[in-house]
Structure formats: structure tokens, C-alpha cells
PDB file of N, CA and C in Angstrom:
ATOM      1  N   MET A   1      -8.709 -14.928   3.946  1.00  0.00           N
ATOM      2  CA  MET A   1      -7.273 -15.019   3.950  1.00  0.00           C
ATOM      3  C   MET A   1      -6.747 -14.450   5.264  1.00  0.00           C
ATOM      4  N   GLU A   2      -5.796 -15.134   5.834  1.00  0.00           N
ATOM      5  CA  GLU A   2      -5.189 -14.675   7.086  1.00  0.00           C
ATOM      6  C   GLU A   2      -4.354 -13.420   6.831  1.00  0.00           C
ATOM      7  N   ASP A   3      -4.297 -12.546   7.842  1.00  0.00           N
ATOM      8  CA  ASP A   3      -3.526 -11.307   7.704  1.00  0.00           C
ATOM      9  C   ASP A   3      -2.068 -11.583   7.349  1.00  0.00           C
ATOM     10  N   GLN A   4      -1.453 -12.557   8.008  1.00  0.00           N
ATOM     11  CA  GLN A   4      -0.038 -12.843   7.744  1.00  0.00           C
ATOM     12  C   GLN A   4       0.166 -13.298   6.298  1.00  0.00           C
ATOM     13  N   THR A   5      -0.736 -14.093   5.787  1.00  0.00           N
ATOM     14  CA  THR A   5      -0.640 -14.535   4.390  1.00  0.00           C
ATOM     15  C   THR A   5      -0.790 -13.355   3.450  1.00  0.00           C
ATOM     16  N   ARG A   6      -1.752 -12.479   3.726  1.00  0.00           N
ATOM     17  CA  ARG A   6      -1.952 -11.284   2.905  1.00  0.00           C
ATOM     18  C   ARG A   6      -0.706 -10.416   2.906  1.00  0.00           C
ATOM     19  N   ILE A   7      -0.118 -10.207   4.075  1.00  0.00           N
ATOM     20  CA  ILE A   7       1.100  -9.395   4.192  1.00  0.00           C
ATOM     21  C   ILE A   7       2.236 -10.021   3.381  1.00  0.00           C
ATOM     22  N   GLU A   8       2.383 -11.333   3.464  1.00  0.00           N
ATOM     23  CA  GLU A   8       3.439 -12.017   2.719  1.00  0.00           C
ATOM     24  C   GLU A   8       3.220 -11.907   1.216  1.00  0.00           C
ATOM     25  N   LEU A   9       1.975 -12.010   0.767  1.00  0.00           N
ATOM     26  CA  LEU A   9       1.676 -11.865  -0.658  1.00  0.00           C
ATOM     27  C   LEU A   9       1.930 -10.434  -1.134  1.00  0.00           C
ATOM     28  N   GLU A  10       1.537  -9.462  -0.318  1.00  0.00           N
ATOM     29  CA  GLU A  10       1.789  -8.067  -0.675  1.00  0.00           C
ATOM     30  C   GLU A  10       3.289  -7.790  -0.749  1.00  0.00           C
ATOM     31  N   ALA A  11       4.046  -8.329   0.192  1.00  0.00           N
ATOM     32  CA  ALA A  11       5.503  -8.145   0.187  1.00  0.00           C
ATOM     33  C   ALA A  11       6.124  -8.789  -1.045  1.00  0.00           C
ATOM     34  N   ALA A  12       5.660  -9.976  -1.401  1.00  0.00           N
ATOM     35  CA  ALA A  12       6.177 -10.655  -2.597  1.00  0.00           C
ATOM     36  C   ALA A  12       5.849  -9.853  -3.852  1.00  0.00           C
ATOM     37  N   THR A  13       4.670  -9.263  -3.883  1.00  0.00           N
ATOM     38  CA  THR A  13       4.266  -8.450  -5.030  1.00  0.00           C
ATOM     39  C   THR A  13       5.147  -7.207  -5.132  1.00  0.00           C
ATOM     40  N   TYR A  14       5.408  -6.553  -4.018  1.00  0.00           N
ATOM     41  CA  TYR A  14       6.292  -5.391  -3.988  1.00  0.00           C
ATOM     42  C   TYR A  14       7.685  -5.771  -4.492  1.00  0.00           C
ATOM     43  N   ARG A  15       8.231  -6.887  -3.986  1.00  0.00           N
ATOM     44  CA  ARG A  15       9.561  -7.308  -4.415  1.00  0.00           C
ATOM     45  C   ARG A  15       9.599  -7.571  -5.920  1.00  0.00           C
ATOM     46  N   ARG A  16       8.543  -8.153  -6.446  1.00  0.00           N
ATOM     47  CA  ARG A  16       8.482  -8.433  -7.886  1.00  0.00           C
ATOM     48  C   ARG A  16       8.396  -7.126  -8.687  1.00  0.00           C
ATOM     49  N   LEU A  17       7.610  -6.168  -8.227  1.00  0.00           N
ATOM     50  CA  LEU A  17       7.524  -4.871  -8.894  1.00  0.00           C
ATOM     51  C   LEU A  17       8.882  -4.186  -8.887  1.00  0.00           C
ATOM     52  N   ARG A  18       9.540  -4.183  -7.744  1.00  0.00           N
ATOM     53  CA  ARG A  18      10.859  -3.565  -7.639  1.00  0.00           C
ATOM     54  C   ARG A  18      11.839  -4.245  -8.577  1.00  0.00           C
ATOM     55  N   GLU A  19      11.867  -5.551  -8.574  1.00  0.00           N
ATOM     56  CA  GLU A  19      12.762  -6.300  -9.461  1.00  0.00           C
ATOM     57  C   GLU A  19      12.486  -5.952 -10.925  1.00  0.00           C
ATOM     58  N   HIS A  20      11.228  -5.895 -11.285  1.00  0.00           N
ATOM     59  CA  HIS A  20      10.858  -5.582 -12.660  1.00  0.00           C
ATOM     60  C   HIS A  20      11.372  -4.199 -13.063  1.00  0.00           C
ATOM     61  N   LEU A  21      11.129  -3.205 -12.204  1.00  0.00           N
ATOM     62  CA  LEU A  21      11.539  -1.838 -12.523  1.00  0.00           C
ATOM     63  C   LEU A  21      13.055  -1.650 -12.488  1.00  0.00           C
ATOM     64  N   MET A  22      13.725  -2.345 -11.584  1.00  0.00           N
ATOM     65  CA  MET A  22      15.153  -2.111 -11.392  1.00  0.00           C
ATOM     66  C   MET A  22      16.029  -3.014 -12.254  1.00  0.00           C
ATOM     67  N   GLU A  23      15.610  -4.244 -12.475  1.00  0.00           N
ATOM     68  CA  GLU A  23      16.466  -5.206 -13.161  1.00  0.00           C
ATOM     69  C   GLU A  23      16.012  -5.522 -14.579  1.00  0.00           C
ATOM     70  N   LYS A  24      14.719  -5.618 -14.767  1.00  0.00           N
ATOM     71  CA  LYS A  24      14.218  -6.001 -16.084  1.00  0.00           C
ATOM     72  C   LYS A  24      13.938  -4.797 -16.978  1.00  0.00           C
ATOM     73  N   ARG A  25      13.557  -3.658 -16.391  1.00  0.00           N
ATOM     74  CA  ARG A  25      13.202  -2.479 -17.191  1.00  0.00           C
ATOM     75  C   ARG A  25      13.860  -1.189 -16.682  1.00  0.00           C
ATOM     76  N   PRO A  26      15.171  -1.202 -16.475  1.00  0.00           N
ATOM     77  CA  PRO A  26      15.816   0.052 -16.063  1.00  0.00           C
ATOM     78  C   PRO A  26      15.774   1.102 -17.172  1.00  0.00           C
ATOM     79  N   ASP A  27      15.436   0.668 -18.391  1.00  0.00           N
ATOM     80  CA  ASP A  27      15.335   1.591 -19.516  1.00  0.00           C
ATOM     81  C   ASP A  27      14.108   2.493 -19.432  1.00  0.00           C
ATOM     82  N   VAL A  28      13.103   2.085 -18.685  1.00  0.00           N
ATOM     83  CA  VAL A  28      11.901   2.905 -18.542  1.00  0.00           C
ATOM     84  C   VAL A  28      12.240   4.074 -17.624  1.00  0.00           C
ATOM     85  N   GLN A  29      12.075   5.265 -18.149  1.00  0.00           N
ATOM     86  CA  GLN A  29      12.455   6.472 -17.419  1.00  0.00           C
ATOM     87  C   GLN A  29      11.420   6.834 -16.360  1.00  0.00           C
ATOM     88  N   ASN A  30      11.898   7.369 -15.240  1.00  0.00           N
ATOM     89  CA  ASN A  30      11.000   7.785 -14.165  1.00  0.00           C
ATOM     90  C   ASN A  30       9.956   8.787 -14.656  1.00  0.00           C
ATOM     91  N   ILE A  31      10.354   9.708 -15.508  1.00  0.00           N
ATOM     92  CA  ILE A  31       9.397  10.719 -15.976  1.00  0.00           C
ATOM     93  C   ILE A  31       8.278  10.054 -16.780  1.00  0.00           C
ATOM     94  N   ASP A  32       8.595   9.002 -17.532  1.00  0.00           N
ATOM     95  CA  ASP A  32       7.552   8.291 -18.278  1.00  0.00           C
ATOM     96  C   ASP A  32       6.606   7.562 -17.325  1.00  0.00           C
ATOM     97  N   LEU A  33       7.160   6.975 -16.267  1.00  0.00           N
ATOM     98  CA  LEU A  33       6.307   6.352 -15.251  1.00  0.00           C
ATOM     99  C   LEU A  33       5.384   7.388 -14.623  1.00  0.00           C
ATOM    100  N   MET A  34       5.941   8.553 -14.292  1.00  0.00           N
ATOM    101  CA  MET A  34       5.132   9.620 -13.695  1.00  0.00           C
ATOM    102  C   MET A  34       4.036  10.072 -14.649  1.00  0.00           C
ATOM    103  N   ASN A  35       4.395  10.235 -15.910  1.00  0.00           N
ATOM    104  CA  ASN A  35       3.420  10.722 -16.877  1.00  0.00           C
ATOM    105  C   ASN A  35       2.307   9.714 -17.129  1.00  0.00           C
ATOM    106  N   LEU A  36       2.639   8.433 -17.115  1.00  0.00           N
ATOM    107  CA  LEU A  36       1.643   7.403 -17.406  1.00  0.00           C
ATOM    108  C   LEU A  36       0.904   6.893 -16.176  1.00  0.00           C
ATOM    109  N   ALA A  37       1.633   6.737 -15.080  1.00  0.00           N
ATOM    110  CA  ALA A  37       1.037   6.083 -13.911  1.00  0.00           C
ATOM    111  C   ALA A  37       0.863   7.004 -12.707  1.00  0.00           C
ATOM    112  N   GLY A  38       1.513   8.150 -12.726  1.00  0.00           N
ATOM    113  CA  GLY A  38       1.395   9.059 -11.595  1.00  0.00           C
ATOM    114  C   GLY A  38       2.321   8.728 -10.440  1.00  0.00           C
ATOM    115  N   PHE A  39       3.240   7.787 -10.650  1.00  0.00           N
ATOM    116  CA  PHE A  39       4.260   7.463  -9.654  1.00  0.00           C
ATOM    117  C   PHE A  39       5.473   6.908 -10.381  1.00  0.00           C
ATOM    118  N   CYS A  40       6.619   6.907  -9.673  1.00  0.00           N
ATOM    119  CA  CYS A  40       7.843   6.384 -10.267  1.00  0.00           C
ATOM    120  C   CYS A  40       8.679   5.711  -9.185  1.00  0.00           C
ATOM    121  N   ARG A  41       9.883   5.350  -9.532  1.00  0.00           N
ATOM    122  CA  ARG A  41      10.783   4.704  -8.571  1.00  0.00           C
ATOM    123  C   ARG A  41      11.040   5.602  -7.365  1.00  0.00           C
ATOM    124  N   ASN A  42      11.171   6.912  -7.611  1.00  0.00           N
ATOM    125  CA  ASN A  42      11.396   7.834  -6.497  1.00  0.00           C
ATOM    126  C   ASN A  42      10.209   7.846  -5.541  1.00  0.00           C
ATOM    127  N   CYS A  43       9.006   7.757  -6.073  1.00  0.00           N
ATOM    128  CA  CYS A  43       7.811   7.687  -5.224  1.00  0.00           C
ATOM    129  C   CYS A  43       7.856   6.424  -4.374  1.00  0.00           C
ATOM    130  N   LEU A  44       8.180   5.308  -4.996  1.00  0.00           N
ATOM    131  CA  LEU A  44       8.250   4.044  -4.259  1.00  0.00           C
ATOM    132  C   LEU A  44       9.295   4.114  -3.148  1.00  0.00           C
ATOM    133  N   SER A  45      10.439   4.716  -3.451  1.00  0.00           N
ATOM    134  CA  SER A  45      11.476   4.830  -2.420  1.00  0.00           C
ATOM    135  C   SER A  45      11.019   5.765  -1.293  1.00  0.00           C
ATOM    136  N   ARG A  46      10.273   6.814  -1.644  1.00  0.00           N
ATOM    137  CA  ARG A  46       9.749   7.731  -0.621  1.00  0.00           C
ATOM    138  C   ARG A  46       8.699   7.036   0.235  1.00  0.00           C
ATOM    139  N   TRP A  47       7.832   6.239  -0.396  1.00  0.00           N
ATOM    140  CA  TRP A  47       6.822   5.504   0.373  1.00  0.00           C
ATOM    141  C   TRP A  47       7.486   4.514   1.319  1.00  0.00           C
ATOM    142  N   TYR A  48       8.577   3.914   0.892  1.00  0.00           N
ATOM    143  CA  TYR A  48       9.352   2.998   1.734  1.00  0.00           C
ATOM    144  C   TYR A  48       9.887   3.759   2.949  1.00  0.00           C
ATOM    145  N   GLN A  49      10.481   4.922   2.679  1.00  0.00           N
ATOM    146  CA  GLN A  49      11.013   5.757   3.755  1.00  0.00           C
ATOM    147  C   GLN A  49       9.907   6.188   4.709  1.00  0.00           C
ATOM    148  N   GLU A  50       8.776   6.627   4.189  1.00  0.00           N
ATOM    149  CA  GLU A  50       7.661   7.080   5.018  1.00  0.00           C
ATOM    150  C   GLU A  50       7.121   5.946   5.880  1.00  0.00           C
ATOM    151  N   ALA A  51       7.039   4.745   5.316  1.00  0.00           N
ATOM    152  CA  ALA A  51       6.568   3.587   6.092  1.00  0.00           C
ATOM    153  C   ALA A  51       7.531   3.294   7.236  1.00  0.00           C
ATOM    154  N   ALA A  52       8.823   3.412   6.968  1.00  0.00           N
ATOM    155  CA  ALA A  52       9.814   3.205   8.031  1.00  0.00           C
ATOM    156  C   ALA A  52       9.661   4.267   9.116  1.00  0.00           C
ATOM    157  N   ASN A  53       9.562   5.524   8.687  1.00  0.00           N
ATOM    158  CA  ASN A  53       9.421   6.619   9.645  1.00  0.00           C
ATOM    159  C   ASN A  53       8.164   6.480  10.495  1.00  0.00           C
ATOM    160  N   GLU A  54       7.060   6.040   9.885  1.00  0.00           N
ATOM    161  CA  GLU A  54       5.809   5.846  10.622  1.00  0.00           C
ATOM    162  C   GLU A  54       5.946   4.775  11.697  1.00  0.00           C
ATOM    163  N   ARG A  55       6.884   3.866  11.516  1.00  0.00           N
ATOM    164  CA  ARG A  55       7.113   2.796  12.482  1.00  0.00           C
ATOM    165  C   ARG A  55       8.250   3.115  13.445  1.00  0.00           C
ATOM    166  N   GLY A  56       8.687   4.379  13.436  1.00  0.00           N
ATOM    167  CA  GLY A  56       9.732   4.813  14.351  1.00  0.00           C
ATOM    168  C   GLY A  56      11.137   4.477  13.888  1.00  0.00           C
ATOM    169  N   ILE A  57      11.297   4.076  12.645  1.00  0.00           N
ATOM    170  CA  ILE A  57      12.618   3.776  12.093  1.00  0.00           C
ATOM    171  C   ILE A  57      13.107   5.032  11.383  1.00  0.00           C
ATOM    172  N   GLU A  58      14.206   5.590  11.867  1.00  0.00           N
ATOM    173  CA  GLU A  58      14.733   6.797  11.251  1.00  0.00           C
ATOM    174  C   GLU A  58      15.360   6.426   9.912  1.00  0.00           C
ATOM    175  N   MET A  59      14.907   7.096   8.865  1.00  0.00           N
ATOM    176  CA  MET A  59      15.430   6.863   7.522  1.00  0.00           C
ATOM    177  C   MET A  59      15.301   8.156   6.744  1.00  0.00           C
ATOM    178  N   THR A  60      16.388   8.579   6.155  1.00  0.00           N
ATOM    179  CA  THR A  60      16.366   9.792   5.345  1.00  0.00           C
ATOM    180  C   THR A  60      15.896   9.454   3.927  1.00  0.00           C
ATOM    181  N   LYS A  61      15.624  10.496   3.168  1.00  0.00           N
ATOM    182  CA  LYS A  61      15.246  10.330   1.768  1.00  0.00           C
ATOM    183  C   LYS A  61      16.342   9.596   1.009  1.00  0.00           C
ATOM    184  N   ASP A  62      17.602   9.992   1.215  1.00  0.00           N
ATOM    185  CA  ASP A  62      18.716   9.345   0.524  1.00  0.00           C
ATOM    186  C   ASP A  62      18.875   7.886   0.944  1.00  0.00           C
ATOM    187  N   GLU A  63      18.665   7.587   2.221  1.00  0.00           N
ATOM    188  CA  GLU A  63      18.740   6.199   2.680  1.00  0.00           C
ATOM    189  C   GLU A  63      17.636   5.355   2.049  1.00  0.00           C
ATOM    190  N   GLY A  64      16.424   5.913   1.982  1.00  0.00           N
ATOM    191  CA  GLY A  64      15.318   5.198   1.356  1.00  0.00           C
ATOM    192  C   GLY A  64      15.584   4.934  -0.114  1.00  0.00           C
ATOM    193  N   ARG A  65      16.101   5.941  -0.801  1.00  0.00           N
ATOM    194  CA  ARG A  65      16.432   5.758  -2.217  1.00  0.00           C
ATOM    195  C   ARG A  65      17.525   4.706  -2.386  1.00  0.00           C
ATOM    196  N   GLY A  66      18.539   4.752  -1.547  1.00  0.00           N
ATOM    197  CA  GLY A  66      19.626   3.780  -1.638  1.00  0.00           C
ATOM    198  C   GLY A  66      19.140   2.355  -1.440  1.00  0.00           C
ATOM    199  N   LEU A  67      18.233   2.179  -0.492  1.00  0.00           N
ATOM    200  CA  LEU A  67      17.675   0.846  -0.252  1.00  0.00           C
ATOM    201  C   LEU A  67      16.816   0.393  -1.417  1.00  0.00           C
ATOM    202  N   PHE A  68      15.998   1.291  -1.955  1.00  0.00           N
ATOM    203  CA  PHE A  68      15.137   0.900  -3.067  1.00  0.00           C
ATOM    204  C   PHE A  68      15.943   0.667  -4.339  1.00  0.00           C
ATOM    205  N   TYR A  69      16.829   1.592  -4.663  1.00  0.00           N
ATOM    206  CA  TYR A  69      17.602   1.504  -5.898  1.00  0.00           C
ATOM    207  C   TYR A  69      18.719   0.457  -5.815  1.00  0.00           C
ATOM    208  N   GLY A  70      19.106   0.087  -4.605  1.00  0.00           N
ATOM    209  CA  GLY A  70      20.193  -0.874  -4.453  1.00  0.00           C
ATOM    210  C   GLY A  70      21.556  -0.254  -4.711  1.00  0.00           C
ATOM    211  N   MET A  71      21.609   1.051  -4.747  1.00  0.00           N
ATOM    212  CA  MET A  71      22.835   1.818  -4.992  1.00  0.00           C
ATOM    213  C   MET A  71      22.512   3.274  -4.709  1.00  0.00           C
ATOM    214  N   PRO A  72      23.522   4.113  -4.577  1.00  0.00           N
ATOM    215  CA  PRO A  72      23.221   5.544  -4.440  1.00  0.00           C
ATOM    216  C   PRO A  72      22.446   6.026  -5.663  1.00  0.00           C
ATOM    217  N   PHE A  73      21.486   6.914  -5.427  1.00  0.00           N
ATOM    218  CA  PHE A  73      20.654   7.416  -6.513  1.00  0.00           C
ATOM    219  C   PHE A  73      21.497   8.073  -7.603  1.00  0.00           C
ATOM    220  N   SER A  74      22.572   8.742  -7.216  1.00  0.00           N
ATOM    221  CA  SER A  74      23.440   9.381  -8.213  1.00  0.00           C
ATOM    222  C   SER A  74      24.036   8.347  -9.166  1.00  0.00           C
ATOM    223  N   ASP A  75      24.354   7.158  -8.665  1.00  0.00           N
ATOM    224  CA  ASP A  75      24.864   6.083  -9.525  1.00  0.00           C
ATOM    225  C   ASP A  75      23.787   5.611 -10.496  1.00  0.00           C
ATOM    226  N   TRP A  76      22.563   5.457  -9.987  1.00  0.00           N
ATOM    227  CA  TRP A  76      21.442   5.045 -10.855  1.00  0.00           C
ATOM    228  C   TRP A  76      21.256   6.057 -11.991  1.00  0.00           C
ATOM    229  N   LYS A  77      21.213   7.321 -11.612  1.00  0.00           N
ATOM    230  CA  LYS A  77      21.015   8.368 -12.620  1.00  0.00           C
ATOM    231  C   LYS A  77      22.111   8.310 -13.684  1.00  0.00           C
ATOM    232  N   ALA A  78      23.356   8.156 -13.256  1.00  0.00           N
ATOM    233  CA  ALA A  78      24.471   8.124 -14.206  1.00  0.00           C
ATOM    234  C   ALA A  78      24.374   6.922 -15.140  1.00  0.00           C
ATOM    235  N   ARG A  79      23.901   5.791 -14.627  1.00  0.00           N
ATOM    236  CA  ARG A  79      23.828   4.569 -15.433  1.00  0.00           C
ATOM    237  C   ARG A  79      22.616   4.514 -16.360  1.00  0.00           C
ATOM    238  N   TYR A  80      21.459   4.974 -15.861  1.00  0.00           N
ATOM    239  CA  TYR A  80      20.214   4.679 -16.561  1.00  0.00           C
ATOM    240  C   TYR A  80      19.366   5.879 -16.974  1.00  0.00           C
ATOM    241  N   GLN A  81      19.500   6.986 -16.289  1.00  0.00           N
ATOM    242  CA  GLN A  81      18.583   8.090 -16.555  1.00  0.00           C
ATOM    243  C   GLN A  81      19.078   8.938 -17.723  1.00  0.00           C
ATOM    244  N   THR A  82      18.153   9.250 -18.613  1.00  0.00           N
ATOM    245  CA  THR A  82      18.473  10.103 -19.746  1.00  0.00           C
ATOM    246  C   THR A  82      17.870  11.480 -19.523  1.00  0.00           C
ATOM    247  N   GLU A  83      18.316  12.445 -20.291  1.00  0.00           N
ATOM    248  CA  GLU A  83      17.742  13.786 -20.235  1.00  0.00           C
ATOM    249  C   GLU A  83      16.301  13.719 -20.711  1.00  0.00           C
ATOM    250  N   ALA A  84      15.416  14.363 -19.993  1.00  0.00           N
ATOM    251  CA  ALA A  84      14.003  14.384 -20.382  1.00  0.00           C
ATOM    252  C   ALA A  84      13.825  15.238 -21.629  1.00  0.00           C
ATOM    253  N   SER A  85      12.996  14.758 -22.535  1.00  0.00           N
ATOM    254  CA  SER A  85      12.702  15.505 -23.756  1.00  0.00           C
ATOM    255  C   SER A  85      11.694  16.614 -23.450  1.00  0.00           C
ATOM    256  N   GLU A  86      11.556  17.533 -24.388  1.00  0.00           N
ATOM    257  CA  GLU A  86      10.554  18.602 -24.231  1.00  0.00           C
ATOM    258  C   GLU A  86       9.154  18.002 -24.112  1.00  0.00           C
ATOM    259  N   GLY A  87       8.877  16.958 -24.889  1.00  0.00           N
ATOM    260  CA  GLY A  87       7.573  16.297 -24.825  1.00  0.00           C
ATOM    261  C   GLY A  87       7.301  15.685 -23.465  1.00  0.00           C
ATOM    262  N   GLN A  88       8.314  15.021 -22.903  1.00  0.00           N
ATOM    263  CA  GLN A  88       8.160  14.427 -21.574  1.00  0.00           C
ATOM    264  C   GLN A  88       7.933  15.513 -20.521  1.00  0.00           C
ATOM    265  N   LEU A  89       8.700  16.575 -20.602  1.00  0.00           N
ATOM    266  CA  LEU A  89       8.555  17.669 -19.634  1.00  0.00           C
ATOM    267  C   LEU A  89       7.199  18.358 -19.763  1.00  0.00           C
ATOM    268  N   SER A  90       6.721  18.534 -20.987  1.00  0.00           N
ATOM    269  CA  SER A  90       5.403  19.146 -21.202  1.00  0.00           C
ATOM    270  C   SER A  90       4.299  18.269 -20.632  1.00  0.00           C
ATOM    271  N   ALA A  91       4.397  16.961 -20.872  1.00  0.00           N
ATOM    272  CA  ALA A  91       3.392  16.035 -20.345  1.00  0.00           C
ATOM    273  C   ALA A  91       3.408  16.039 -18.820  1.00  0.00           C
ATOM    274  N   PHE A  92       4.601  16.114 -18.233  1.00  0.00           N
ATOM    275  CA  PHE A  92       4.735  16.150 -16.781  1.00  0.00           C
ATOM    276  C   PHE A  92       4.093  17.420 -16.222  1.00  0.00           C
ATOM    277  N   ALA A  93       4.382  18.552 -16.841  1.00  0.00           N
ATOM    278  CA  ALA A  93       3.809  19.824 -16.388  1.00  0.00           C
ATOM    279  C   ALA A  93       2.289  19.815 -16.514  1.00  0.00           C
ATOM    280  N   ALA A  94       1.792  19.290 -17.625  1.00  0.00           N
ATOM    281  CA  ALA A  94       0.339  19.234 -17.832  1.00  0.00           C
ATOM    282  C   ALA A  94      -0.328  18.337 -16.800  1.00  0.00           C
ATOM    283  N   ALA A  95       0.295  17.229 -16.473  1.00  0.00           N
ATOM    284  CA  ALA A  95      -0.275  16.307 -15.485  1.00  0.00           C
ATOM    285  C   ALA A  95      -0.330  16.965 -14.111  1.00  0.00           C
ATOM    286  N   HIS A  96       0.690  17.720 -13.784  1.00  0.00           N
ATOM    287  CA  HIS A  96       0.705  18.387 -12.480  1.00  0.00           C
ATOM    288  C   HIS A  96      -0.279  19.554 -12.433  1.00  0.00           C
ATOM    289  N   GLU A  97      -0.466  20.231 -13.549  1.00  0.00           N
ATOM    290  CA  GLU A  97      -1.475  21.301 -13.593  1.00  0.00           C
ATOM    291  C   GLU A  97      -2.858  20.718 -13.392  1.00  0.00           C
ATOM    292  N   ALA A  98      -3.143  19.595 -14.042  1.00  0.00           N
ATOM    293  CA  ALA A  98      -4.457  18.942 -13.906  1.00  0.00           C
ATOM    294  C   ALA A  98      -4.649  18.462 -12.472  1.00  0.00           C
ATOM    295  N   LYS A  99      -3.594  17.934 -11.859  1.00  0.00           N
ATOM    296  CA  LYS A  99      -3.674  17.448 -10.473  1.00  0.00           C
ATOM    297  C   LYS A  99      -3.948  18.600  -9.516  1.00  0.00           C
ATOM    298  N   ASP A 100      -3.294  19.724  -9.764  1.00  0.00           N
ATOM    299  CA  ASP A 100      -3.477  20.891  -8.902  1.00  0.00           C
ATOM    300  C   ASP A 100      -4.893  21.465  -8.991  1.00  0.00           C
ATOM    301  N   GLU A 101      -5.568  21.247 -10.126  1.00  0.00           N
ATOM    302  CA  GLU A 101      -6.921  21.749 -10.310  1.00  0.00           C
ATOM    303  C   GLU A 101      -7.958  20.888  -9.590  1.00  0.00           C
ATOM    304  N   ASP A 102      -7.591  19.635  -9.273  1.00  0.00           N
ATOM    305  CA  ASP A 102      -8.548  18.724  -8.598  1.00  0.00           C
ATOM    306  C   ASP A 102      -8.872  19.161  -7.202  1.00  0.00           C
TER     307      ASP A 102
END
């Protein structure tokens, strides 16, 4: 496969993942993504920002989040994010303790 084709397929896959998380499943909470997959929407927005910065494009954390979320992060939180339950917080803490031990 040619590099350009691979890049285009990877970009299409990223766009589909973003669309799925933002438009089709905004009900899935970031903490649940973190607990199950080890990453969430905030991670994706940070990776976007880091990729821009690595290429000499100045982008802040808030700018990266705004581009990924399609709105200010505070708006996303107000619309879709719920308070984390004790169970979710416990699972998150346990996952980070296990990660720190590696």
C-alpha cells in the first residue's frame, strides 16, 4: 500500500472514530472510556494537540479540545458529562494504581 493511501485511510478512520464518539455516542462518559480502554476524548484531543505541536503548529490544550469536541470543552461538559459515580471513580483509581506499578 502506498504511504499516501495509508495516510488517507488512517485519517478516514480517525474521522469515523471521532464522529462515533461525538455524534453517535455522546452518552458514553469519558471516565468509562478511560476505565475500559485506557483513553478518552480528552486523550484524543491531547494527541491531536501534540501532533500539531510536533509539526511546529502552536496549539494549546484548550484549542485542541475545541477542535476535537467541535465546541468549547465547558459546553460539552454541560451538555453531556454526568457526575462520576463512586464505582467509576474507584475503577479509575485502581486502573491508575495498576499502571503506576508497571
